Amino acid sequence: MLYVVATPIGNLGDISQRALEVLKNCDVIAAEDTRHTQKLLMHFGIKKPLISYYEHNKTVRGPVLIEKLVNGENIALVSDAGTPGISDPGADLIKAATDAGLEVSMIPGPVAGITALVLSGLPTDKFVFEGFIGTDNKKKQEFADMIVSETRTVIIYEAPHRLVKTLEFLANYIGERKVAVCRELTKSHEEILRGTVASHIAHFSENEPRGEFVLVIEGADKKTLNEETVPTTAEDIFNKFNEIAESDKASGIRRKKNDIIKDVAAYFNLPKNKVYDMYEEVNQQTQGGL
């Protein structure tokens, strides 16, 4: 059987008794980082064979683990922290096991995204989990198109070295919506910062981001979305274009005009072609227009 075992996201005291029993009694443990998991096992006095299973070896290790399961071995799947299958390659092994008709059991426990959601103070009745939005321009654009009109609370993960750039990226799309920036959850340096994107950018411009981050973003207001109309003048489009272009320039990002037009169209929830025409209407009348 494949046991999907949730482990602590920071505080080792959060591990469940059932998780410890599975780790002690399984035949092998499939770990995202065997060195990291070994420390966890040593803390609880557990000695078991470890096999690495992570993003860059999953296509090779996956079949090996499936074969072990077919042969009757019990495997515990763990991630570096939290629940396997959430924004990590464990999801692929779980799918492979279920596709093969193998039995899979879950030992539930901590999830960083849910912990942050509860602590954020934002609505929890409906939410969207997006994981890491990454650096791929196409995926980031898809995220931008979504978040402009998403009325549910949105949860994303981010690495410390990309935090400020992600906040600057969000500034172009969510305005003054509330955002909770959650750092080092359950650890001794846990910190929950609640405010706007602008306030968070100001904070982390003076304080170097450290640790693991979860961002919880307030959803768009339904009433405001329903009341939104096409801007009365093309100047709104032109000004927003220049605002985004200047933000990109300050962040060292160089993009084509059409890519920025897409952002403006998403921001105003308007067709791209209409936005382009409105932008050009002003641009052609403006000396040195971008």
C-alpha atoms as a PDB file:
ATOM      1  CA  MET A   1       0.000   0.000   0.000  1.00  0.00           C
ATOM      2  CA  LEU A   2       1.075   3.583  -0.609  1.00  0.00           C
ATOM      3  CA  TYR A   3       0.695   5.698   2.524  1.00  0.00           C
ATOM      4  CA  VAL A   4       0.638   9.449   1.913  1.00  0.00           C
ATOM      5  CA  VAL A   5       2.045  10.843   5.156  1.00  0.00           C
ATOM      6  CA  ALA A   6       1.752  14.492   6.155  1.00  0.00           C
ATOM      7  CA  THR A   7       4.700  15.756   8.211  1.00  0.00           C
ATOM      8  CA  PRO A   8       5.201  19.012  10.175  1.00  0.00           C
ATOM      9  CA  ILE A   9       5.657  22.270   8.272  1.00  0.00           C
ATOM     10  CA  GLY A  10       7.895  23.588  11.031  1.00  0.00           C
ATOM     11  CA  ASN A  11       7.077  22.491  14.556  1.00  0.00           C
ATOM     12  CA  LEU A  12       7.955  18.803  15.015  1.00  0.00           C
ATOM     13  CA  GLY A  13       5.340  18.549  17.744  1.00  0.00           C
ATOM     14  CA  ASP A  14       2.650  18.718  15.055  1.00  0.00           C
ATOM     15  CA  ILE A  15       3.307  15.209  13.742  1.00  0.00           C
ATOM     16  CA  SER A  16       0.486  12.766  14.457  1.00  0.00           C
ATOM     17  CA  GLN A  17       0.782   9.488  16.317  1.00  0.00           C
ATOM     18  CA  ARG A  18      -0.626   7.673  13.297  1.00  0.00           C
ATOM     19  CA  ALA A  19       2.023   9.227  11.036  1.00  0.00           C
ATOM     20  CA  LEU A  20       4.767   7.995  13.369  1.00  0.00           C
ATOM     21  CA  GLU A  21       3.294   4.476  13.402  1.00  0.00           C
ATOM     22  CA  VAL A  22       3.206   4.328   9.591  1.00  0.00           C
ATOM     23  CA  LEU A  23       6.781   5.600   9.298  1.00  0.00           C
ATOM     24  CA  LYS A  24       7.947   2.980  11.829  1.00  0.00           C
ATOM     25  CA  ASN A  25       6.141   0.062  10.195  1.00  0.00           C
ATOM     26  CA  CYS A  26       6.452   0.697   6.444  1.00  0.00           C
ATOM     27  CA  ASP A  27       9.044  -1.099   4.288  1.00  0.00           C
ATOM     28  CA  VAL A  28      10.520   2.006   2.676  1.00  0.00           C
ATOM     29  CA  ILE A  29      10.042   5.779   2.782  1.00  0.00           C
ATOM     30  CA  ALA A  30       9.937   7.772  -0.457  1.00  0.00           C
ATOM     31  CA  ALA A  31      11.204  11.255   0.381  1.00  0.00           C
ATOM     32  CA  GLU A  32      11.545  14.492  -1.567  1.00  0.00           C
ATOM     33  CA  ASP A  33      14.868  15.185   0.202  1.00  0.00           C
ATOM     34  CA  THR A  34      16.288  12.157   2.022  1.00  0.00           C
ATOM     35  CA  ARG A  35      18.650  14.317   4.106  1.00  0.00           C
ATOM     36  CA  HIS A  36      15.791  16.442   5.346  1.00  0.00           C
ATOM     37  CA  THR A  37      13.613  13.417   6.123  1.00  0.00           C
ATOM     38  CA  GLN A  38      16.492  11.628   7.847  1.00  0.00           C
ATOM     39  CA  LYS A  39      16.636  14.438  10.410  1.00  0.00           C
ATOM     40  CA  LEU A  40      12.936  13.969  11.101  1.00  0.00           C
ATOM     41  CA  LEU A  41      13.342  10.227  11.517  1.00  0.00           C
ATOM     42  CA  MET A  42      16.353  10.594  13.790  1.00  0.00           C
ATOM     43  CA  HIS A  43      14.416  12.982  16.016  1.00  0.00           C
ATOM     44  CA  PHE A  44      11.785  10.296  16.586  1.00  0.00           C
ATOM     45  CA  GLY A  45      14.220   7.369  16.694  1.00  0.00           C
ATOM     46  CA  ILE A  46      12.990   5.771  13.462  1.00  0.00           C
ATOM     47  CA  LYS A  47      15.299   3.747  11.207  1.00  0.00           C
ATOM     48  CA  LYS A  48      13.929   2.912   7.763  1.00  0.00           C
ATOM     49  CA  PRO A  49      15.321   2.666   4.210  1.00  0.00           C
ATOM     50  CA  LEU A  50      14.929   5.910   2.276  1.00  0.00           C
ATOM     51  CA  ILE A  51      14.596   6.370  -1.461  1.00  0.00           C
ATOM     52  CA  SER A  52      14.671   9.809  -3.062  1.00  0.00           C
ATOM     53  CA  TYR A  53      11.687  10.840  -5.138  1.00  0.00           C
ATOM     54  CA  TYR A  54      11.622  14.428  -6.366  1.00  0.00           C
ATOM     55  CA  GLU A  55      10.806  16.556  -9.411  1.00  0.00           C
ATOM     56  CA  HIS A  56      13.937  15.765 -11.412  1.00  0.00           C
ATOM     57  CA  ASN A  57      14.012  11.981 -10.885  1.00  0.00           C
ATOM     58  CA  LYS A  58      10.298  11.154 -10.666  1.00  0.00           C
ATOM     59  CA  THR A  59      10.120   9.689 -14.182  1.00  0.00           C
ATOM     60  CA  VAL A  60      12.816   7.161 -13.240  1.00  0.00           C
ATOM     61  CA  ARG A  61      11.953   6.542  -9.588  1.00  0.00           C
ATOM     62  CA  GLY A  62       8.192   6.466 -10.082  1.00  0.00           C
ATOM     63  CA  PRO A  63       8.142   3.088 -11.905  1.00  0.00           C
ATOM     64  CA  VAL A  64      10.584   1.641  -9.344  1.00  0.00           C
ATOM     65  CA  LEU A  65       8.263   2.578  -6.491  1.00  0.00           C
ATOM     66  CA  ILE A  66       5.191   1.301  -8.330  1.00  0.00           C
ATOM     67  CA  GLU A  67       6.935  -2.041  -8.849  1.00  0.00           C
ATOM     68  CA  LYS A  68       7.657  -2.245  -5.127  1.00  0.00           C
ATOM     69  CA  LEU A  69       3.984  -1.590  -4.393  1.00  0.00           C
ATOM     70  CA  VAL A  70       2.910  -4.261  -6.882  1.00  0.00           C
ATOM     71  CA  ASN A  71       5.230  -6.695  -5.109  1.00  0.00           C
ATOM     72  CA  GLY A  72       3.438  -6.070  -1.835  1.00  0.00           C
ATOM     73  CA  GLU A  73       5.715  -3.559  -0.138  1.00  0.00           C
ATOM     74  CA  ASN A  74       4.296  -0.758   1.976  1.00  0.00           C
ATOM     75  CA  ILE A  75       5.677   2.655   1.054  1.00  0.00           C
ATOM     76  CA  ALA A  76       5.334   5.896   3.006  1.00  0.00           C
ATOM     77  CA  LEU A  77       5.432   8.981   0.782  1.00  0.00           C
ATOM     78  CA  VAL A  78       6.585  12.211   2.457  1.00  0.00           C
ATOM     79  CA  SER A  79       7.459  15.678   1.213  1.00  0.00           C
ATOM     80  CA  ASP A  80       9.966  18.071   2.747  1.00  0.00           C
ATOM     81  CA  ALA A  81       7.170  19.532   4.856  1.00  0.00           C
ATOM     82  CA  GLY A  82       3.416  19.334   5.045  1.00  0.00           C
ATOM     83  CA  THR A  83       1.107  17.217   2.929  1.00  0.00           C
ATOM     84  CA  PRO A  84       2.526  15.322  -0.092  1.00  0.00           C
ATOM     85  CA  GLY A  85       0.760  15.949  -3.374  1.00  0.00           C
ATOM     86  CA  ILE A  86       0.282  19.677  -2.739  1.00  0.00           C
ATOM     87  CA  SER A  87       2.599  21.570  -5.113  1.00  0.00           C
ATOM     88  CA  ASP A  88       5.130  18.713  -5.156  1.00  0.00           C
ATOM     89  CA  PRO A  89       5.859  15.630  -7.305  1.00  0.00           C
ATOM     90  CA  GLY A  90       4.061  13.351  -4.856  1.00  0.00           C
ATOM     91  CA  ALA A  91       0.900  13.991  -6.874  1.00  0.00           C
ATOM     92  CA  ASP A  92       2.407  12.092  -9.822  1.00  0.00           C
ATOM     93  CA  LEU A  93       3.215   9.023  -7.738  1.00  0.00           C
ATOM     94  CA  ILE A  94      -0.263   9.034  -6.202  1.00  0.00           C
ATOM     95  CA  LYS A  95      -1.819   9.200  -9.673  1.00  0.00           C
ATOM     96  CA  ALA A  96       0.424   6.407 -10.949  1.00  0.00           C
ATOM     97  CA  ALA A  97      -0.577   4.223  -8.014  1.00  0.00           C
ATOM     98  CA  THR A  98      -4.299   4.840  -8.459  1.00  0.00           C
ATOM     99  CA  ASP A  99      -4.019   4.327 -12.233  1.00  0.00           C
ATOM    100  CA  ALA A 100      -2.415   0.942 -11.510  1.00  0.00           C
ATOM    101  CA  GLY A 101      -5.305   0.008  -9.230  1.00  0.00           C
ATOM    102  CA  LEU A 102      -3.115   0.050  -6.130  1.00  0.00           C
ATOM    103  CA  GLU A 103      -4.405   0.973  -2.699  1.00  0.00           C
ATOM    104  CA  VAL A 104      -3.574   4.441  -1.399  1.00  0.00           C
ATOM    105  CA  SER A 105      -4.205   5.663   2.146  1.00  0.00           C
ATOM    106  CA  MET A 106      -3.877   9.179   3.572  1.00  0.00           C
ATOM    107  CA  ILE A 107      -2.447  10.106   6.952  1.00  0.00           C
ATOM    108  CA  PRO A 108      -3.603  13.730   7.202  1.00  0.00           C
ATOM    109  CA  GLY A 109      -1.770  16.570   8.841  1.00  0.00           C
ATOM    110  CA  PRO A 110      -0.465  20.117   8.316  1.00  0.00           C
ATOM    111  CA  VAL A 111      -0.919  22.063   5.071  1.00  0.00           C
ATOM    112  CA  ALA A 112       0.830  25.435   4.869  1.00  0.00           C
ATOM    113  CA  GLY A 113      -1.795  26.942   2.580  1.00  0.00           C
ATOM    114  CA  ILE A 114      -4.706  26.062   4.849  1.00  0.00           C
ATOM    115  CA  THR A 115      -2.833  27.195   7.955  1.00  0.00           C
ATOM    116  CA  ALA A 116      -2.145  30.556   6.309  1.00  0.00           C
ATOM    117  CA  LEU A 117      -5.746  30.873   5.118  1.00  0.00           C
ATOM    118  CA  VAL A 118      -7.086  30.427   8.651  1.00  0.00           C
ATOM    119  CA  LEU A 119      -4.591  32.918  10.094  1.00  0.00           C
ATOM    120  CA  SER A 120      -5.116  35.504   7.339  1.00  0.00           C
ATOM    121  CA  GLY A 121      -8.407  36.806   8.663  1.00  0.00           C
ATOM    122  CA  LEU A 122      -9.789  36.700   5.107  1.00  0.00           C
ATOM    123  CA  PRO A 123     -12.910  34.757   4.005  1.00  0.00           C
ATOM    124  CA  THR A 124     -12.432  30.990   4.265  1.00  0.00           C
ATOM    125  CA  ASP A 125     -15.770  29.755   2.939  1.00  0.00           C
ATOM    126  CA  LYS A 126     -14.577  29.796  -0.688  1.00  0.00           C
ATOM    127  CA  PHE A 127     -10.955  29.868  -1.792  1.00  0.00           C
ATOM    128  CA  VAL A 128      -8.606  29.003  -4.659  1.00  0.00           C
ATOM    129  CA  PHE A 129      -5.179  27.392  -4.240  1.00  0.00           C
ATOM    130  CA  GLU A 130      -2.694  28.314  -6.992  1.00  0.00           C
ATOM    131  CA  GLY A 131       0.580  27.039  -5.498  1.00  0.00           C
ATOM    132  CA  PHE A 132       3.691  28.637  -6.990  1.00  0.00           C
ATOM    133  CA  ILE A 133       2.905  30.985  -9.888  1.00  0.00           C
ATOM    134  CA  GLY A 134       6.526  30.642 -11.012  1.00  0.00           C
ATOM    135  CA  THR A 135       8.436  32.746 -13.532  1.00  0.00           C
ATOM    136  CA  ASP A 136       6.996  31.482 -16.821  1.00  0.00           C
ATOM    137  CA  ASN A 137       5.475  34.526 -18.535  1.00  0.00           C
ATOM    138  CA  LYS A 138       2.557  32.591 -20.045  1.00  0.00           C
ATOM    139  CA  LYS A 139       1.572  31.069 -16.708  1.00  0.00           C
ATOM    140  CA  LYS A 140       1.953  34.405 -14.935  1.00  0.00           C
ATOM    141  CA  GLN A 141      -0.301  36.026 -17.522  1.00  0.00           C
ATOM    142  CA  GLU A 142      -2.912  33.323 -17.016  1.00  0.00           C
ATOM    143  CA  PHE A 143      -2.726  33.978 -13.270  1.00  0.00           C
ATOM    144  CA  ALA A 144      -3.071  37.724 -13.848  1.00  0.00           C
ATOM    145  CA  ASP A 145      -6.125  37.219 -16.063  1.00  0.00           C
ATOM    146  CA  MET A 146      -7.682  35.080 -13.341  1.00  0.00           C
ATOM    147  CA  ILE A 147      -7.000  37.163 -10.263  1.00  0.00           C
ATOM    148  CA  VAL A 148      -8.418  40.401 -11.664  1.00  0.00           C
ATOM    149  CA  SER A 149     -11.957  39.036 -11.414  1.00  0.00           C
ATOM    150  CA  GLU A 150     -11.556  36.141  -8.941  1.00  0.00           C
ATOM    151  CA  THR A 151     -13.970  36.757  -6.081  1.00  0.00           C
ATOM    152  CA  ARG A 152     -12.741  33.887  -3.908  1.00  0.00           C
ATOM    153  CA  THR A 153      -9.756  34.145  -1.563  1.00  0.00           C
ATOM    154  CA  VAL A 154      -6.566  33.127  -3.403  1.00  0.00           C
ATOM    155  CA  ILE A 155      -3.627  31.246  -1.848  1.00  0.00           C
ATOM    156  CA  ILE A 156      -0.155  31.157  -3.413  1.00  0.00           C
ATOM    157  CA  TYR A 157       3.290  30.006  -2.286  1.00  0.00           C
ATOM    158  CA  GLU A 158       6.461  31.997  -2.895  1.00  0.00           C
ATOM    159  CA  ALA A 159      10.206  31.703  -2.300  1.00  0.00           C
ATOM    160  CA  PRO A 160      11.954  34.518  -0.388  1.00  0.00           C
ATOM    161  CA  HIS A 161      14.129  35.614  -3.327  1.00  0.00           C
ATOM    162  CA  ARG A 162      11.043  36.127  -5.538  1.00  0.00           C
ATOM    163  CA  LEU A 163       8.707  37.618  -2.943  1.00  0.00           C
ATOM    164  CA  VAL A 164       9.172  41.322  -3.735  1.00  0.00           C
ATOM    165  CA  LYS A 165       8.915  40.784  -7.501  1.00  0.00           C
ATOM    166  CA  THR A 166       5.722  38.805  -7.001  1.00  0.00           C
ATOM    167  CA  LEU A 167       4.273  41.560  -4.824  1.00  0.00           C
ATOM    168  CA  GLU A 168       5.178  44.138  -7.485  1.00  0.00           C
ATOM    169  CA  PHE A 169       3.552  41.928 -10.097  1.00  0.00           C
ATOM    170  CA  LEU A 170       0.367  41.673  -8.019  1.00  0.00           C
ATOM    171  CA  ALA A 171       0.266  45.441  -7.536  1.00  0.00           C
ATOM    172  CA  ASN A 172      -0.757  45.850 -11.168  1.00  0.00           C
ATOM    173  CA  TYR A 173      -3.889  43.712 -10.769  1.00  0.00           C
ATOM    174  CA  ILE A 174      -5.395  43.717  -7.282  1.00  0.00           C
ATOM    175  CA  GLY A 175      -5.220  47.363  -6.236  1.00  0.00           C
ATOM    176  CA  GLU A 176      -6.007  47.913  -2.560  1.00  0.00           C
ATOM    177  CA  ARG A 177      -7.269  44.403  -1.802  1.00  0.00           C
ATOM    178  CA  LYS A 178      -6.105  42.935   1.486  1.00  0.00           C
ATOM    179  CA  VAL A 179      -3.190  40.503   1.470  1.00  0.00           C
ATOM    180  CA  ALA A 180      -1.785  38.391   4.298  1.00  0.00           C
ATOM    181  CA  VAL A 181       1.887  37.516   3.957  1.00  0.00           C
ATOM    182  CA  CYS A 182       2.575  34.493   6.162  1.00  0.00           C
ATOM    183  CA  ARG A 183       6.157  33.542   6.984  1.00  0.00           C
ATOM    184  CA  GLU A 184       7.722  30.541   8.725  1.00  0.00           C
ATOM    185  CA  LEU A 185       4.389  29.059   9.801  1.00  0.00           C
ATOM    186  CA  THR A 186       4.414  27.086  13.099  1.00  0.00           C
ATOM    187  CA  LYS A 187       8.100  27.923  13.622  1.00  0.00           C
ATOM    188  CA  SER A 188       9.569  30.125  16.340  1.00  0.00           C
ATOM    189  CA  HIS A 189       9.831  33.075  13.921  1.00  0.00           C
ATOM    190  CA  GLU A 190       6.284  32.763  12.590  1.00  0.00           C
ATOM    191  CA  GLU A 191       5.031  36.091  11.278  1.00  0.00           C
ATOM    192  CA  ILE A 192       1.668  37.102   9.785  1.00  0.00           C
ATOM    193  CA  LEU A 193       1.644  40.491   8.069  1.00  0.00           C
ATOM    194  CA  ARG A 194      -1.769  41.825   7.051  1.00  0.00           C
ATOM    195  CA  GLY A 195      -2.158  44.822   4.769  1.00  0.00           C
ATOM    196  CA  THR A 196      -2.081  45.838   1.117  1.00  0.00           C
ATOM    197  CA  VAL A 197       0.461  44.941  -1.542  1.00  0.00           C
ATOM    198  CA  ALA A 198       1.891  48.460  -1.272  1.00  0.00           C
ATOM    199  CA  SER A 199       2.440  48.126   2.475  1.00  0.00           C
ATOM    200  CA  HIS A 200       4.126  44.748   2.039  1.00  0.00           C
ATOM    201  CA  ILE A 201       6.436  46.063  -0.692  1.00  0.00           C
ATOM    202  CA  ALA A 202       7.455  48.909   1.605  1.00  0.00           C
ATOM    203  CA  HIS A 203       8.084  46.478   4.488  1.00  0.00           C
ATOM    204  CA  PHE A 204      10.203  44.027   2.520  1.00  0.00           C
ATOM    205  CA  SER A 205      12.153  46.812   0.849  1.00  0.00           C
ATOM    206  CA  GLU A 206      13.556  47.481   4.307  1.00  0.00           C
ATOM    207  CA  ASN A 207      13.487  43.922   5.666  1.00  0.00           C
ATOM    208  CA  GLU A 208      15.097  41.116   3.672  1.00  0.00           C
ATOM    209  CA  PRO A 209      12.568  38.306   3.041  1.00  0.00           C
ATOM    210  CA  ARG A 210      13.624  35.135   4.827  1.00  0.00           C
ATOM    211  CA  GLY A 211      11.968  31.756   5.214  1.00  0.00           C
ATOM    212  CA  GLU A 212       9.052  30.169   3.407  1.00  0.00           C
ATOM    213  CA  PHE A 213       6.118  32.359   2.411  1.00  0.00           C
ATOM    214  CA  VAL A 214       2.411  31.870   1.816  1.00  0.00           C
ATOM    215  CA  LEU A 215       0.383  34.771   0.402  1.00  0.00           C
ATOM    216  CA  VAL A 216      -3.362  34.890   0.993  1.00  0.00           C
ATOM    217  CA  ILE A 217      -5.113  37.399  -1.292  1.00  0.00           C
ATOM    218  CA  GLU A 218      -8.555  38.876  -0.799  1.00  0.00           C
ATOM    219  CA  GLY A 219     -10.979  38.150  -3.617  1.00  0.00           C
ATOM    220  CA  ALA A 220     -12.387  40.840  -5.895  1.00  0.00           C
ATOM    221  CA  ASP A 221     -15.556  42.540  -4.676  1.00  0.00           C
ATOM    222  CA  LYS A 222     -18.566  41.180  -6.581  1.00  0.00           C
ATOM    223  CA  LYS A 223     -20.484  44.434  -6.359  1.00  0.00           C
ATOM    224  CA  THR A 224     -17.563  46.422  -7.736  1.00  0.00           C
ATOM    225  CA  LEU A 225     -17.111  43.970 -10.587  1.00  0.00           C
ATOM    226  CA  ASN A 226     -20.788  44.173 -11.498  1.00  0.00           C
ATOM    227  CA  GLU A 227     -20.692  47.958 -11.474  1.00  0.00           C
ATOM    228  CA  GLU A 228     -17.540  48.245 -13.580  1.00  0.00           C
ATOM    229  CA  THR A 229     -17.988  49.973 -16.912  1.00  0.00           C
ATOM    230  CA  VAL A 230     -15.732  50.716 -19.864  1.00  0.00           C
ATOM    231  CA  PRO A 231     -13.465  53.679 -19.039  1.00  0.00           C
ATOM    232  CA  THR A 232     -14.998  56.921 -20.279  1.00  0.00           C
ATOM    233  CA  THR A 233     -11.749  57.990 -21.928  1.00  0.00           C
ATOM    234  CA  ALA A 234      -8.817  56.249 -23.556  1.00  0.00           C
ATOM    235  CA  GLU A 235      -6.543  58.120 -21.138  1.00  0.00           C
ATOM    236  CA  ASP A 236      -7.376  55.501 -18.484  1.00  0.00           C
ATOM    237  CA  ILE A 237      -5.988  52.801 -20.756  1.00  0.00           C
ATOM    238  CA  PHE A 238      -2.945  54.854 -21.713  1.00  0.00           C
ATOM    239  CA  ASN A 239      -2.106  55.723 -18.114  1.00  0.00           C
ATOM    240  CA  LYS A 240      -2.458  52.128 -16.928  1.00  0.00           C
ATOM    241  CA  PHE A 241      -0.204  50.957 -19.758  1.00  0.00           C
ATOM    242  CA  ASN A 242       2.490  53.428 -18.723  1.00  0.00           C
ATOM    243  CA  GLU A 243       2.079  52.481 -15.049  1.00  0.00           C
ATOM    244  CA  ILE A 244       2.698  48.808 -15.794  1.00  0.00           C
ATOM    245  CA  ALA A 245       5.556  49.617 -18.194  1.00  0.00           C
ATOM    246  CA  GLU A 246       7.279  51.748 -15.552  1.00  0.00           C
ATOM    247  CA  SER A 247       6.810  49.033 -12.933  1.00  0.00           C
ATOM    248  CA  ASP A 248       8.379  46.483 -15.293  1.00  0.00           C
ATOM    249  CA  LYS A 249      11.276  48.839 -16.001  1.00  0.00           C
ATOM    250  CA  ALA A 250      11.928  49.360 -12.297  1.00  0.00           C
ATOM    251  CA  SER A 251      12.000  45.576 -11.834  1.00  0.00           C
ATOM    252  CA  GLY A 252      14.394  45.082 -14.757  1.00  0.00           C
ATOM    253  CA  ILE A 253      11.733  43.388 -16.895  1.00  0.00           C
ATOM    254  CA  ARG A 254      11.546  44.028 -20.640  1.00  0.00           C
ATOM    255  CA  ARG A 255       8.367  43.025 -22.437  1.00  0.00           C
ATOM    256  CA  LYS A 256       6.738  43.666 -25.792  1.00  0.00           C
ATOM    257  CA  LYS A 257       3.918  46.187 -26.121  1.00  0.00           C
ATOM    258  CA  ASN A 258       1.359  43.454 -26.786  1.00  0.00           C
ATOM    259  CA  ASP A 259       2.241  41.690 -23.530  1.00  0.00           C
ATOM    260  CA  ILE A 260       1.562  44.870 -21.542  1.00  0.00           C
ATOM    261  CA  ILE A 261      -1.654  45.437 -23.505  1.00  0.00           C
ATOM    262  CA  LYS A 262      -2.777  41.981 -22.315  1.00  0.00           C
ATOM    263  CA  ASP A 263      -2.180  43.073 -18.722  1.00  0.00           C
ATOM    264  CA  VAL A 264      -4.152  46.268 -19.215  1.00  0.00           C
ATOM    265  CA  ALA A 265      -7.000  44.341 -20.844  1.00  0.00           C
ATOM    266  CA  ALA A 266      -7.082  41.950 -17.886  1.00  0.00           C
ATOM    267  CA  TYR A 267      -7.028  44.816 -15.400  1.00  0.00           C
ATOM    268  CA  PHE A 268     -10.042  46.544 -16.984  1.00  0.00           C
ATOM    269  CA  ASN A 269     -11.712  43.264 -17.961  1.00  0.00           C
ATOM    270  CA  LEU A 270     -11.922  44.404 -21.588  1.00  0.00           C
ATOM    271  CA  PRO A 271     -11.135  42.761 -24.957  1.00  0.00           C
ATOM    272  CA  LYS A 272      -7.479  43.068 -25.909  1.00  0.00           C
ATOM    273  CA  ASN A 273      -8.208  44.532 -29.358  1.00  0.00           C
ATOM    274  CA  LYS A 274     -10.404  47.262 -27.874  1.00  0.00           C
ATOM    275  CA  VAL A 275      -7.737  48.142 -25.330  1.00  0.00           C
ATOM    276  CA  TYR A 276      -5.077  48.306 -28.045  1.00  0.00           C
ATOM    277  CA  ASP A 277      -7.189  50.701 -30.123  1.00  0.00           C
ATOM    278  CA  MET A 278      -7.902  52.913 -27.119  1.00  0.00           C
ATOM    279  CA  TYR A 279      -4.236  52.983 -26.188  1.00  0.00           C
ATOM    280  CA  GLU A 280      -3.167  53.926 -29.709  1.00  0.00           C
ATOM    281  CA  GLU A 281      -5.776  56.669 -29.799  1.00  0.00           C
ATOM    282  CA  VAL A 282      -3.878  58.511 -27.085  1.00  0.00           C
ATOM    283  CA  ASN A 283      -0.411  57.249 -27.961  1.00  0.00           C
ATOM    284  CA  GLN A 284      -0.553  58.729 -31.451  1.00  0.00           C
ATOM    285  CA  GLN A 285      -1.416  62.102 -29.977  1.00  0.00           C
ATOM    286  CA  THR A 286       1.333  61.997 -27.372  1.00  0.00           C
ATOM    287  CA  GLN A 287       4.930  62.922 -28.096  1.00  0.00           C
ATOM    288  CA  GLY A 288       7.234  60.160 -26.895  1.00  0.00           C
ATOM    289  CA  GLY A 289       4.409  57.730 -26.129  1.00  0.00           C
ATOM    290  CA  LEU A 290       5.616  54.256 -25.136  1.00  0.00           C
END
